[in-house]
C-alpha atoms as a PDB file:
ATOM      1  CA  UNK A   1       0.000   0.000   0.000  1.00  0.00           C
ATOM      2  CA  UNK A   2       1.380   3.417  -0.984  1.00  0.00           C
ATOM      3  CA  UNK A   3       2.253   5.622   2.030  1.00  0.00           C
ATOM      4  CA  UNK A   4       0.128   8.735   2.428  1.00  0.00           C
ATOM      5  CA  UNK A   5       1.420  12.290   2.417  1.00  0.00           C
ATOM      6  CA  UNK A   6       1.126  12.352   6.206  1.00  0.00           C
ATOM      7  CA  UNK A   7       3.431   9.352   6.602  1.00  0.00           C
ATOM      8  CA  UNK A   8       5.954  10.777   4.133  1.00  0.00           C
ATOM      9  CA  UNK A   9       5.795  14.164   5.842  1.00  0.00           C
ATOM     10  CA  UNK A  10       6.586  12.630   9.225  1.00  0.00           C
ATOM     11  CA  UNK A  11       9.606  10.854   7.766  1.00  0.00           C
ATOM     12  CA  UNK A  12      10.721  14.072   6.075  1.00  0.00           C
ATOM     13  CA  UNK A  13      10.556  15.991   9.329  1.00  0.00           C
ATOM     14  CA  UNK A  14      12.688  13.312  11.009  1.00  0.00           C
ATOM     15  CA  UNK A  15      15.505  13.584   8.476  1.00  0.00           C
ATOM     16  CA  UNK A  16      15.315  17.357   8.161  1.00  0.00           C
ATOM     17  CA  UNK A  17      15.684  17.811  11.921  1.00  0.00           C
ATOM     18  CA  UNK A  18      18.861  15.723  11.916  1.00  0.00           C
ATOM     19  CA  UNK A  19      20.304  17.568   8.920  1.00  0.00           C
ATOM     20  CA  UNK A  20      19.421  20.983  10.353  1.00  0.00           C
ATOM     21  CA  UNK A  21      21.074  20.205  13.676  1.00  0.00           C
ATOM     22  CA  UNK A  22      24.183  18.915  11.955  1.00  0.00           C
ATOM     23  CA  UNK A  23      24.465  22.020   9.793  1.00  0.00           C
ATOM     24  CA  UNK A  24      23.831  24.461  12.668  1.00  0.00           C
ATOM     25  CA  UNK A  25      25.986  23.083  15.472  1.00  0.00           C
ATOM     26  CA  UNK A  26      27.682  19.720  15.243  1.00  0.00           C
ATOM     27  CA  UNK A  27      29.244  20.056  11.776  1.00  0.00           C
ATOM     28  CA  UNK A  28      30.772  23.545  12.377  1.00  0.00           C
ATOM     29  CA  UNK A  29      32.314  22.336  15.631  1.00  0.00           C
ATOM     30  CA  UNK A  30      33.813  19.274  14.001  1.00  0.00           C
ATOM     31  CA  UNK A  31      35.249  21.426  11.190  1.00  0.00           C
ATOM     32  CA  UNK A  32      36.654  23.874  13.755  1.00  0.00           C
ATOM     33  CA  UNK A  33      38.319  21.045  15.715  1.00  0.00           C
ATOM     34  CA  UNK A  34      39.738  19.547  12.523  1.00  0.00           C
ATOM     35  CA  UNK A  35      41.219  22.852  11.396  1.00  0.00           C
ATOM     36  CA  UNK A  36      42.541  23.574  14.846  1.00  0.00           C
ATOM     37  CA  UNK A  37      44.415  20.310  15.174  1.00  0.00           C
ATOM     38  CA  UNK A  38      45.698  20.177  11.601  1.00  0.00           C
ATOM     39  CA  UNK A  39      46.532  23.804  10.824  1.00  0.00           C
ATOM     40  CA  UNK A  40      46.522  25.950  13.943  1.00  0.00           C
ATOM     41  CA  UNK A  41      48.006  23.679  16.604  1.00  0.00           C
ATOM     42  CA  UNK A  42      51.217  22.808  14.630  1.00  0.00           C
ATOM     43  CA  UNK A  43      52.042  26.504  14.316  1.00  0.00           C
ATOM     44  CA  UNK A  44      51.828  27.150  18.072  1.00  0.00           C
ATOM     45  CA  UNK A  45      55.184  26.905  19.925  1.00  0.00           C
ATOM     46  CA  UNK A  46      55.605  23.956  22.269  1.00  0.00           C
ATOM     47  CA  UNK A  47      55.816  26.143  25.362  1.00  0.00           C
ATOM     48  CA  UNK A  48      52.466  27.738  24.503  1.00  0.00           C
ATOM     49  CA  UNK A  49      50.806  24.354  23.975  1.00  0.00           C
ATOM     50  CA  UNK A  50      51.095  23.739  27.707  1.00  0.00           C
ATOM     51  CA  UNK A  51      48.201  26.125  28.181  1.00  0.00           C
ATOM     52  CA  UNK A  52      45.891  23.434  26.734  1.00  0.00           C
ATOM     53  CA  UNK A  53      46.672  21.267  29.750  1.00  0.00           C
ATOM     54  CA  UNK A  54      45.228  23.850  32.113  1.00  0.00           C
ATOM     55  CA  UNK A  55      42.014  22.462  33.783  1.00  0.00           C
ATOM     56  CA  UNK A  56      39.970  25.549  32.968  1.00  0.00           C
ATOM     57  CA  UNK A  57      40.938  25.427  29.316  1.00  0.00           C
ATOM     58  CA  UNK A  58      40.157  21.712  29.182  1.00  0.00           C
ATOM     59  CA  UNK A  59      36.796  22.313  30.817  1.00  0.00           C
ATOM     60  CA  UNK A  60      35.949  24.914  28.203  1.00  0.00           C
ATOM     61  CA  UNK A  61      37.008  22.553  25.404  1.00  0.00           C
ATOM     62  CA  UNK A  62      34.972  19.666  26.791  1.00  0.00           C
ATOM     63  CA  UNK A  63      31.964  21.972  27.262  1.00  0.00           C
ATOM     64  CA  UNK A  64      32.218  23.010  23.611  1.00  0.00           C
ATOM     65  CA  UNK A  65      32.292  19.346  22.631  1.00  0.00           C
ATOM     66  CA  UNK A  66      29.717  17.868  25.047  1.00  0.00           C
ATOM     67  CA  UNK A  67      26.986  20.454  24.797  1.00  0.00           C
ATOM     68  CA  UNK A  68      26.399  19.845  21.093  1.00  0.00           C
ATOM     69  CA  UNK A  69      26.441  16.119  21.752  1.00  0.00           C
ATOM     70  CA  UNK A  70      23.825  16.587  24.439  1.00  0.00           C
ATOM     71  CA  UNK A  71      21.777  18.699  22.053  1.00  0.00           C
ATOM     72  CA  UNK A  72      22.147  15.974  19.464  1.00  0.00           C
ATOM     73  CA  UNK A  73      20.758  13.472  21.944  1.00  0.00           C
ATOM     74  CA  UNK A  74      17.688  15.655  22.535  1.00  0.00           C
ATOM     75  CA  UNK A  75      17.142  16.191  18.816  1.00  0.00           C
ATOM     76  CA  UNK A  76      17.444  12.458  18.130  1.00  0.00           C
ATOM     77  CA  UNK A  77      14.893  11.775  20.867  1.00  0.00           C
ATOM     78  CA  UNK A  78      12.431  14.217  19.323  1.00  0.00           C
ATOM     79  CA  UNK A  79      13.104  12.828  15.868  1.00  0.00           C
ATOM     80  CA  UNK A  80      12.414   9.288  17.102  1.00  0.00           C
ATOM     81  CA  UNK A  81       9.050  10.464  18.422  1.00  0.00           C
ATOM     82  CA  UNK A  82       8.249  11.782  14.959  1.00  0.00           C
ATOM     83  CA  UNK A  83       9.388   8.486  13.453  1.00  0.00           C
ATOM     84  CA  UNK A  84       7.139   6.561  15.857  1.00  0.00           C
ATOM     85  CA  UNK A  85       4.272   8.804  14.785  1.00  0.00           C
ATOM     86  CA  UNK A  86       5.016   7.972  11.171  1.00  0.00           C
ATOM     87  CA  UNK A  87       4.973   4.239  11.972  1.00  0.00           C
ATOM     88  CA  UNK A  88       1.679   4.614  13.802  1.00  0.00           C
ATOM     89  CA  UNK A  89       0.217   6.444  10.836  1.00  0.00           C
ATOM     90  CA  UNK A  90       1.398   3.696   8.497  1.00  0.00           C
ATOM     91  CA  UNK A  91      -0.222   1.096  10.764  1.00  0.00           C
ATOM     92  CA  UNK A  92      -3.491   3.032  10.638  1.00  0.00           C
ATOM     93  CA  UNK A  93      -3.244   3.193   6.877  1.00  0.00           C
ATOM     94  CA  UNK A  94      -2.849  -0.590   6.657  1.00  0.00           C
ATOM     95  CA  UNK A  95      -5.893  -1.330   8.817  1.00  0.00           C
ATOM     96  CA  UNK A  96      -8.081   1.686   9.611  1.00  0.00           C
ATOM     97  CA  UNK A  97     -10.342   1.202  12.661  1.00  0.00           C
ATOM     98  CA  UNK A  98     -13.473   2.604  11.027  1.00  0.00           C
ATOM     99  CA  UNK A  99     -12.814   2.582   7.327  1.00  0.00           C
ATOM    100  CA  UNK A 100     -16.457   2.195   6.425  1.00  0.00           C
ATOM    101  CA  UNK A 101     -17.688   4.978   8.689  1.00  0.00           C
ATOM    102  CA  UNK A 102     -14.887   7.551   8.335  1.00  0.00           C
ATOM    103  CA  UNK A 103     -13.660   8.962   4.987  1.00  0.00           C
ATOM    104  CA  UNK A 104      -9.897   8.852   4.315  1.00  0.00           C
ATOM    105  CA  UNK A 105      -7.837  11.892   5.116  1.00  0.00           C
ATOM    106  CA  UNK A 106      -7.438  14.148   2.064  1.00  0.00           C
ATOM    107  CA  UNK A 107      -4.019  14.306   0.432  1.00  0.00           C
ATOM    108  CA  UNK A 108      -2.698  17.890   0.683  1.00  0.00           C
ATOM    109  CA  UNK A 109      -1.277  19.598  -2.375  1.00  0.00           C
ATOM    110  CA  UNK A 110       1.644  21.223  -0.530  1.00  0.00           C
ATOM    111  CA  UNK A 111       4.976  19.394  -0.366  1.00  0.00           C
ATOM    112  CA  UNK A 112       6.241  21.169   2.766  1.00  0.00           C
ATOM    113  CA  UNK A 113       6.405  18.525   5.502  1.00  0.00           C
ATOM    114  CA  UNK A 114       5.531  20.824   8.411  1.00  0.00           C
ATOM    115  CA  UNK A 115       2.564  22.245   6.529  1.00  0.00           C
ATOM    116  CA  UNK A 116       1.471  18.723   5.582  1.00  0.00           C
ATOM    117  CA  UNK A 117       1.631  17.582   9.201  1.00  0.00           C
ATOM    118  CA  UNK A 118      -0.249  20.674  10.378  1.00  0.00           C
ATOM    119  CA  UNK A 119      -3.055  20.255   7.842  1.00  0.00           C
ATOM    120  CA  UNK A 120      -3.369  16.535   8.398  1.00  0.00           C
ATOM    121  CA  UNK A 121      -3.502  16.878  12.171  1.00  0.00           C
ATOM    122  CA  UNK A 122      -6.141  19.574  11.840  1.00  0.00           C
ATOM    123  CA  UNK A 123      -8.170  17.202   9.700  1.00  0.00           C
ATOM    124  CA  UNK A 124      -7.698  14.398  12.239  1.00  0.00           C
ATOM    125  CA  UNK A 125      -8.807  16.753  15.016  1.00  0.00           C
ATOM    126  CA  UNK A 126     -11.924  17.662  13.010  1.00  0.00           C
ATOM    127  CA  UNK A 127     -12.746  13.988  12.470  1.00  0.00           C
ATOM    128  CA  UNK A 128     -12.240  13.221  16.146  1.00  0.00           C
ATOM    129  CA  UNK A 129     -14.573  16.122  17.040  1.00  0.00           C
ATOM    130  CA  UNK A 130     -17.198  14.695  14.694  1.00  0.00           C
ATOM    131  CA  UNK A 131     -16.851  11.246  16.278  1.00  0.00           C
ATOM    132  CA  UNK A 132     -17.098  12.739  19.767  1.00  0.00           C
ATOM    133  CA  UNK A 133     -20.283  14.528  18.702  1.00  0.00           C
ATOM    134  CA  UNK A 134     -21.670  11.248  17.353  1.00  0.00           C
ATOM    135  CA  UNK A 135     -20.794   9.512  20.619  1.00  0.00           C
ATOM    136  CA  UNK A 136     -22.567  12.283  22.554  1.00  0.00           C
ATOM    137  CA  UNK A 137     -25.653  11.761  20.396  1.00  0.00           C
ATOM    138  CA  UNK A 138     -25.527   8.016  21.024  1.00  0.00           C
ATOM    139  CA  UNK A 139     -25.130   8.626  24.743  1.00  0.00           C
ATOM    140  CA  UNK A 140     -28.127  10.950  24.718  1.00  0.00           C
ATOM    141  CA  UNK A 141     -30.212   8.340  22.882  1.00  0.00           C
ATOM    142  CA  UNK A 142     -29.020   5.663  25.305  1.00  0.00           C
ATOM    143  CA  UNK A 143     -29.984   7.848  28.272  1.00  0.00           C
ATOM    144  CA  UNK A 144     -33.438   8.374  26.756  1.00  0.00           C
ATOM    145  CA  UNK A 145     -33.778   4.628  26.238  1.00  0.00           C
ATOM    146  CA  UNK A 146     -32.757   3.983  29.850  1.00  0.00           C
ATOM    147  CA  UNK A 147     -35.385   6.452  31.058  1.00  0.00           C
ATOM    148  CA  UNK A 148     -38.032   4.699  28.959  1.00  0.00           C
ATOM    149  CA  UNK A 149     -36.939   1.296  30.270  1.00  0.00           C
ATOM    150  CA  UNK A 150     -37.072   2.522  33.867  1.00  0.00           C
ATOM    151  CA  UNK A 151     -40.531   3.999  33.273  1.00  0.00           C
ATOM    152  CA  UNK A 152     -41.710   0.761  31.655  1.00  0.00           C
ATOM    153  CA  UNK A 153     -40.347  -1.224  34.623  1.00  0.00           C
ATOM    154  CA  UNK A 154     -42.102   1.140  37.019  1.00  0.00           C
ATOM    155  CA  UNK A 155     -45.380   0.694  35.161  1.00  0.00           C
ATOM    156  CA  UNK A 156     -44.980  -3.092  35.135  1.00  0.00           C
ATOM    157  CA  UNK A 157     -44.263  -3.078  38.855  1.00  0.00           C
ATOM    158  CA  UNK A 158     -47.306  -0.874  39.415  1.00  0.00           C
ATOM    159  CA  UNK A 159     -49.479  -3.248  37.401  1.00  0.00           C
ATOM    160  CA  UNK A 160     -48.195  -6.213  39.390  1.00  0.00           C
ATOM    161  CA  UNK A 161     -49.352  -4.719  42.701  1.00  0.00           C
ATOM    162  CA  UNK A 162     -52.614  -3.082  41.571  1.00  0.00           C
ATOM    163  CA  UNK A 163     -56.089  -4.507  41.168  1.00  0.00           C
ATOM    164  CA  UNK A 164     -57.175  -4.188  37.554  1.00  0.00           C
ATOM    165  CA  UNK A 165     -60.799  -3.264  38.289  1.00  0.00           C
ATOM    166  CA  UNK A 166     -60.622  -0.835  41.204  1.00  0.00           C
ATOM    167  CA  UNK A 167     -57.034   0.458  40.914  1.00  0.00           C
ATOM    168  CA  UNK A 168     -56.429  -0.336  44.594  1.00  0.00           C
ATOM    169  CA  UNK A 169     -53.459  -2.356  45.807  1.00  0.00           C
ATOM    170  CA  UNK A 170     -53.996  -6.094  45.432  1.00  0.00           C
ATOM    171  CA  UNK A 171     -53.740  -9.015  47.854  1.00  0.00           C
ATOM    172  CA  UNK A 172     -50.109  -9.672  46.944  1.00  0.00           C
ATOM    173  CA  UNK A 173     -49.102  -6.153  47.910  1.00  0.00           C
ATOM    174  CA  UNK A 174     -51.215  -6.278  51.064  1.00  0.00           C
ATOM    175  CA  UNK A 175     -49.497  -9.416  52.384  1.00  0.00           C
ATOM    176  CA  UNK A 176     -46.022  -7.966  51.891  1.00  0.00           C
ATOM    177  CA  UNK A 177     -46.894  -4.547  53.284  1.00  0.00           C
ATOM    178  CA  UNK A 178     -48.625  -5.983  56.337  1.00  0.00           C
ATOM    179  CA  UNK A 179     -45.511  -7.975  57.211  1.00  0.00           C
ATOM    180  CA  UNK A 180     -43.380  -4.833  56.789  1.00  0.00           C
ATOM    181  CA  UNK A 181     -45.631  -2.836  59.109  1.00  0.00           C
ATOM    182  CA  UNK A 182     -45.534  -5.581  61.739  1.00  0.00           C
ATOM    183  CA  UNK A 183     -41.733  -5.626  61.669  1.00  0.00           C
ATOM    184  CA  UNK A 184     -41.563  -1.827  61.842  1.00  0.00           C
ATOM    185  CA  UNK A 185     -44.057  -1.683  64.691  1.00  0.00           C
ATOM    186  CA  UNK A 186     -42.094  -4.291  66.651  1.00  0.00           C
ATOM    187  CA  UNK A 187     -38.799  -2.493  66.086  1.00  0.00           C
ATOM    188  CA  UNK A 188     -39.973   1.000  67.023  1.00  0.00           C
ATOM    189  CA  UNK A 189     -42.820   0.173  69.418  1.00  0.00           C
ATOM    190  CA  UNK A 190     -45.510   1.639  67.167  1.00  0.00           C
ATOM    191  CA  UNK A 191     -49.194   0.818  66.695  1.00  0.00           C
ATOM    192  CA  UNK A 192     -51.432   0.345  63.687  1.00  0.00           C
ATOM    193  CA  UNK A 193     -54.904  -0.952  62.876  1.00  0.00           C
ATOM    194  CA  UNK A 194     -56.209  -3.410  60.302  1.00  0.00           C
ATOM    195  CA  UNK A 195     -59.731  -3.036  58.924  1.00  0.00           C
ATOM    196  CA  UNK A 196     -61.454  -5.769  56.932  1.00  0.00           C
ATOM    197  CA  UNK A 197     -64.394  -4.407  54.914  1.00  0.00           C
ATOM    198  CA  UNK A 198     -67.051  -6.488  53.153  1.00  0.00           C
ATOM    199  CA  UNK A 199     -70.007  -5.391  50.999  1.00  0.00           C
ATOM    200  CA  UNK A 200     -73.261  -6.648  52.511  1.00  0.00           C
ATOM    201  CA  UNK A 201     -75.341  -9.036  50.351  1.00  0.00           C
ATOM    202  CA  UNK A 202     -73.117  -8.397  47.351  1.00  0.00           C
ATOM    203  CA  UNK A 203     -74.054 -11.747  45.777  1.00  0.00           C
ATOM    204  CA  UNK A 204     -77.711 -10.730  45.802  1.00  0.00           C
ATOM    205  CA  UNK A 205     -76.855  -7.435  44.074  1.00  0.00           C
ATOM    206  CA  UNK A 206     -74.874  -9.311  41.431  1.00  0.00           C
ATOM    207  CA  UNK A 207     -77.690 -11.780  40.826  1.00  0.00           C
ATOM    208  CA  UNK A 208     -80.309  -9.003  40.650  1.00  0.00           C
ATOM    209  CA  UNK A 209     -78.497  -6.363  38.568  1.00  0.00           C
ATOM    210  CA  UNK A 210     -75.745  -8.340  36.855  1.00  0.00           C
ATOM    211  CA  UNK A 211     -71.981  -8.449  37.114  1.00  0.00           C
ATOM    212  CA  UNK A 212     -71.519  -5.170  35.250  1.00  0.00           C
ATOM    213  CA  UNK A 213     -73.451  -3.380  37.959  1.00  0.00           C
ATOM    214  CA  UNK A 214     -71.485  -5.307  40.580  1.00  0.00           C
ATOM    215  CA  UNK A 215     -68.228  -4.061  39.047  1.00  0.00           C
ATOM    216  CA  UNK A 216     -69.510  -0.478  39.176  1.00  0.00           C
ATOM    217  CA  UNK A 217     -70.355  -0.875  42.858  1.00  0.00           C
ATOM    218  CA  UNK A 218     -66.879  -2.233  43.577  1.00  0.00           C
ATOM    219  CA  UNK A 219     -65.229   0.716  41.802  1.00  0.00           C
ATOM    220  CA  UNK A 220     -67.419   3.296  43.561  1.00  0.00           C
ATOM    221  CA  UNK A 221     -66.779   1.806  46.994  1.00  0.00           C
ATOM    222  CA  UNK A 222     -63.043   1.711  46.237  1.00  0.00           C
ATOM    223  CA  UNK A 223     -63.203   5.431  45.426  1.00  0.00           C
ATOM    224  CA  UNK A 224     -65.071   6.162  48.672  1.00  0.00           C
ATOM    225  CA  UNK A 225     -62.519   4.212  50.712  1.00  0.00           C
ATOM    226  CA  UNK A 226     -59.668   6.165  49.108  1.00  0.00           C
ATOM    227  CA  UNK A 227     -61.364   9.502  49.775  1.00  0.00           C
ATOM    228  CA  UNK A 228     -62.011   8.891  53.494  1.00  0.00           C
ATOM    229  CA  UNK A 229     -58.541   7.412  54.116  1.00  0.00           C
ATOM    230  CA  UNK A 230     -55.223   9.251  54.525  1.00  0.00           C
ATOM    231  CA  UNK A 231     -52.603   9.065  51.792  1.00  0.00           C
ATOM    232  CA  UNK A 232     -50.206   7.425  54.251  1.00  0.00           C
ATOM    233  CA  UNK A 233     -52.613   4.507  54.824  1.00  0.00           C
ATOM    234  CA  UNK A 234     -52.920   1.446  52.580  1.00  0.00           C
ATOM    235  CA  UNK A 235     -56.202   0.526  50.889  1.00  0.00           C
ATOM    236  CA  UNK A 236     -56.339  -2.899  49.179  1.00  0.00           C
ATOM    237  CA  UNK A 237     -58.822  -5.136  47.456  1.00  0.00           C
ATOM    238  CA  UNK A 238     -58.432  -8.299  49.481  1.00  0.00           C
ATOM    239  CA  UNK A 239     -60.533 -10.482  47.193  1.00  0.00           C
ATOM    240  CA  UNK A 240     -64.022 -10.509  45.659  1.00  0.00           C
ATOM    241  CA  UNK A 241     -66.155  -7.973  47.514  1.00  0.00           C
ATOM    242  CA  UNK A 242     -63.794  -7.819  50.507  1.00  0.00           C
ATOM    243  CA  UNK A 243     -61.317  -4.988  51.136  1.00  0.00           C
ATOM    244  CA  UNK A 244     -58.590  -4.333  53.692  1.00  0.00           C
ATOM    245  CA  UNK A 245     -57.177  -1.083  55.066  1.00  0.00           C
ATOM    246  CA  UNK A 246     -53.953  -0.570  57.008  1.00  0.00           C
ATOM    247  CA  UNK A 247     -54.161   2.508  59.236  1.00  0.00           C
ATOM    248  CA  UNK A 248     -50.560   3.420  60.071  1.00  0.00           C
ATOM    249  CA  UNK A 249     -49.661   4.788  63.530  1.00  0.00           C
ATOM    250  CA  UNK A 250     -53.177   5.307  64.894  1.00  0.00           C
ATOM    251  CA  UNK A 251     -54.715   4.618  68.280  1.00  0.00           C
ATOM    252  CA  UNK A 252     -57.803   2.518  68.941  1.00  0.00           C
ATOM    253  CA  UNK A 253     -60.209   5.460  69.009  1.00  0.00           C
ATOM    254  CA  UNK A 254     -58.951   6.888  65.686  1.00  0.00           C
ATOM    255  CA  UNK A 255     -59.246   3.499  63.993  1.00  0.00           C
ATOM    256  CA  UNK A 256     -62.794   3.052  65.291  1.00  0.00           C
ATOM    257  CA  UNK A 257     -63.791   6.547  64.138  1.00  0.00           C
ATOM    258  CA  UNK A 258     -62.378   5.903  60.665  1.00  0.00           C
ATOM    259  CA  UNK A 259     -64.331   2.657  60.347  1.00  0.00           C
ATOM    260  CA  UNK A 260     -67.573   4.382  61.388  1.00  0.00           C
ATOM    261  CA  UNK A 261     -67.007   7.261  58.958  1.00  0.00           C
ATOM    262  CA  UNK A 262     -66.406   4.780  56.131  1.00  0.00           C
ATOM    263  CA  UNK A 263     -69.560   2.811  56.976  1.00  0.00           C
ATOM    264  CA  UNK A 264     -71.721   5.966  57.150  1.00  0.00           C
ATOM    265  CA  UNK A 265     -70.331   7.365  53.895  1.00  0.00           C
ATOM    266  CA  UNK A 266     -71.092   4.156  51.993  1.00  0.00           C
ATOM    267  CA  UNK A 267     -74.571   3.865  53.524  1.00  0.00           C
ATOM    268  CA  UNK A 268     -75.502   7.438  52.475  1.00  0.00           C
ATOM    269  CA  UNK A 269     -73.939   7.287  49.008  1.00  0.00           C
ATOM    270  CA  UNK A 270     -76.160   7.227  45.915  1.00  0.00           C
ATOM    271  CA  UNK A 271     -74.732   4.408  43.811  1.00  0.00           C
ATOM    272  CA  UNK A 272     -75.336   4.010  40.088  1.00  0.00           C
ATOM    273  CA  UNK A 273     -75.214   0.950  37.899  1.00  0.00           C
ATOM    274  CA  UNK A 274     -73.664   2.717  34.911  1.00  0.00           C
ATOM    275  CA  UNK A 275     -76.581   4.080  32.853  1.00  0.00           C
ATOM    276  CA  UNK A 276     -78.408   5.543  35.839  1.00  0.00           C
ATOM    277  CA  UNK A 277     -78.894   5.529  39.625  1.00  0.00           C
ATOM    278  CA  UNK A 278     -79.126   2.253  41.490  1.00  0.00           C
ATOM    279  CA  UNK A 279     -82.409   1.956  43.316  1.00  0.00           C
ATOM    280  CA  UNK A 280     -80.826  -0.117  46.012  1.00  0.00           C
ATOM    281  CA  UNK A 281     -79.120   0.682  49.277  1.00  0.00           C
ATOM    282  CA  UNK A 282     -75.557  -0.570  49.541  1.00  0.00           C
ATOM    283  CA  UNK A 283     -73.880  -1.018  52.917  1.00  0.00           C
ATOM    284  CA  UNK A 284     -70.656  -2.460  54.273  1.00  0.00           C
ATOM    285  CA  UNK A 285     -69.634  -4.255  57.439  1.00  0.00           C
ATOM    286  CA  UNK A 286     -66.240  -3.519  59.019  1.00  0.00           C
ATOM    287  CA  UNK A 287     -64.073  -5.544  61.383  1.00  0.00           C
ATOM    288  CA  UNK A 288     -61.172  -3.850  63.183  1.00  0.00           C
ATOM    289  CA  UNK A 289     -58.107  -5.467  64.756  1.00  0.00           C
ATOM    290  CA  UNK A 290     -55.371  -3.540  66.497  1.00  0.00           C
ATOM    291  CA  UNK A 291     -51.622  -4.213  66.698  1.00  0.00           C
ATOM    292  CA  UNK A 292     -50.325  -5.170  69.224  1.00  0.00           C
ATOM    293  CA  UNK A 293     -53.449  -5.270  71.395  1.00  0.00           C
ATOM    294  CA  UNK A 294     -55.290  -7.970  69.457  1.00  0.00           C
ATOM    295  CA  UNK A 295     -52.383  -9.816  67.821  1.00  0.00           C
ATOM    296  CA  UNK A 296     -48.656  -9.547  67.120  1.00  0.00           C
ATOM    297  CA  UNK A 297     -48.567 -12.104  64.299  1.00  0.00           C
ATOM    298  CA  UNK A 298     -49.658 -11.505  60.707  1.00  0.00           C
ATOM    299  CA  UNK A 299     -51.920 -14.535  60.389  1.00  0.00           C
ATOM    300  CA  UNK A 300     -53.524 -14.005  63.802  1.00  0.00           C
ATOM    301  CA  UNK A 301     -54.042 -10.293  63.139  1.00  0.00           C
ATOM    302  CA  UNK A 302     -55.901 -10.996  59.873  1.00  0.00           C
ATOM    303  CA  UNK A 303     -57.983 -13.690  61.552  1.00  0.00           C
ATOM    304  CA  UNK A 304     -58.850 -11.275  64.373  1.00  0.00           C
ATOM    305  CA  UNK A 305     -60.056  -8.608  61.928  1.00  0.00           C
ATOM    306  CA  UNK A 306     -61.981 -11.275  59.967  1.00  0.00           C
ATOM    307  CA  UNK A 307     -63.651 -12.508  63.124  1.00  0.00           C
ATOM    308  CA  UNK A 308     -64.724  -8.953  63.980  1.00  0.00           C
ATOM    309  CA  UNK A 309     -66.084  -8.564  60.434  1.00  0.00           C
ATOM    310  CA  UNK A 310     -68.136 -11.771  60.728  1.00  0.00           C
ATOM    311  CA  UNK A 311     -69.451 -10.580  64.077  1.00  0.00           C
ATOM    312  CA  UNK A 312     -70.646  -7.334  62.444  1.00  0.00           C
ATOM    313  CA  UNK A 313     -72.482  -9.327  59.777  1.00  0.00           C
ATOM    314  CA  UNK A 314     -73.971 -11.674  62.328  1.00  0.00           C
ATOM    315  CA  UNK A 315     -75.150  -8.685  64.325  1.00  0.00           C
ATOM    316  CA  UNK A 316     -77.239  -7.368  61.425  1.00  0.00           C
ATOM    317  CA  UNK A 317     -74.691  -6.007  58.909  1.00  0.00           C
ATOM    318  CA  UNK A 318     -73.900  -2.320  58.269  1.00  0.00           C
ATOM    319  CA  UNK A 319     -71.943  -2.341  61.511  1.00  0.00           C
ATOM    320  CA  UNK A 320     -68.405  -1.880  62.860  1.00  0.00           C
ATOM    321  CA  UNK A 321     -67.010  -4.369  65.327  1.00  0.00           C
ATOM    322  CA  UNK A 322     -63.649  -4.474  67.044  1.00  0.00           C
ATOM    323  CA  UNK A 323     -61.723  -7.665  67.677  1.00  0.00           C
ATOM    324  CA  UNK A 324     -61.466  -6.858  71.378  1.00  0.00           C
ATOM    325  CA  UNK A 325     -65.261  -7.010  71.651  1.00  0.00           C
ATOM    326  CA  UNK A 326     -65.446 -10.684  70.622  1.00  0.00           C
ATOM    327  CA  UNK A 327     -65.697 -13.421  73.233  1.00  0.00           C
ATOM    328  CA  UNK A 328     -64.759 -16.153  70.752  1.00  0.00           C
ATOM    329  CA  UNK A 329     -64.250 -16.987  67.048  1.00  0.00           C
ATOM    330  CA  UNK A 330     -67.326 -16.215  64.946  1.00  0.00           C
ATOM    331  CA  UNK A 331     -68.654 -18.170  61.969  1.00  0.00           C
ATOM    332  CA  UNK A 332     -68.648 -16.573  58.498  1.00  0.00           C
ATOM    333  CA  UNK A 333     -71.873 -14.808  57.502  1.00  0.00           C
ATOM    334  CA  UNK A 334     -72.490 -13.839  53.817  1.00  0.00           C
END
């Protein structure tokens, strides 16, 4: 493969530096020494030649000789760097790293090596700037893709813990969050309440008005529960027509008041079945269990709230019962 102008220019600079140094310093000194020893020194009387043995004179002579040699060493070092650059350029010419993506460097018209090197390096700098800009664009696109992936993962995670019909948290999320709250309450000595909420005679409503109406009732009750509950509390669809609420860091009286407010709001709400109002009264029964008064274990706490809920249904529905009020385990009432 024919060397490019850049490779030839680098070689030319290497040889010109050596020639220029030889012409400017080393060659004149060698000529001076030659003339001195062959023409001047023989004409000096022997007694005057003793002056050349003086240490100061010898030091001056050696300085005149060694300094150019030291300069030659520096020039050779620089020239070797240029030669290494030329070899590197030749290697790039043999196998360019991105031949398909990057156009070859243009061959300059000038034959001056320094000018050739300057123009070629400017062109290389321009190409590197273009590649850096392309890399920045790719990085920006990659960052955008990462943001989209993170958002997609967030949405998938949200879907995995949400109930598709009501938008509330689902049973899977409830189980994990309840265990977390129990551990936190044990560690820091805190309290919380668990409410189990069930729609009274929901099967009869479904059979009478259809499942579409039943779905509307579920969604409207879910909205009511969210509105009467703090943002820091957890509202979940436990399963079917049953819901659960975790009231974080509340006392017994606050939990009881919240359950009563929820029951009253549902009982006074005008439900609709989609096309129009529902000519039917909808009520809920609520069972309340308190941590750690009623239970300190997840399974026992849920069973305690369930038992209170069944007691409310057995007592006539549309009621709130606390687990501490129960003398014994109650049977399930629809």
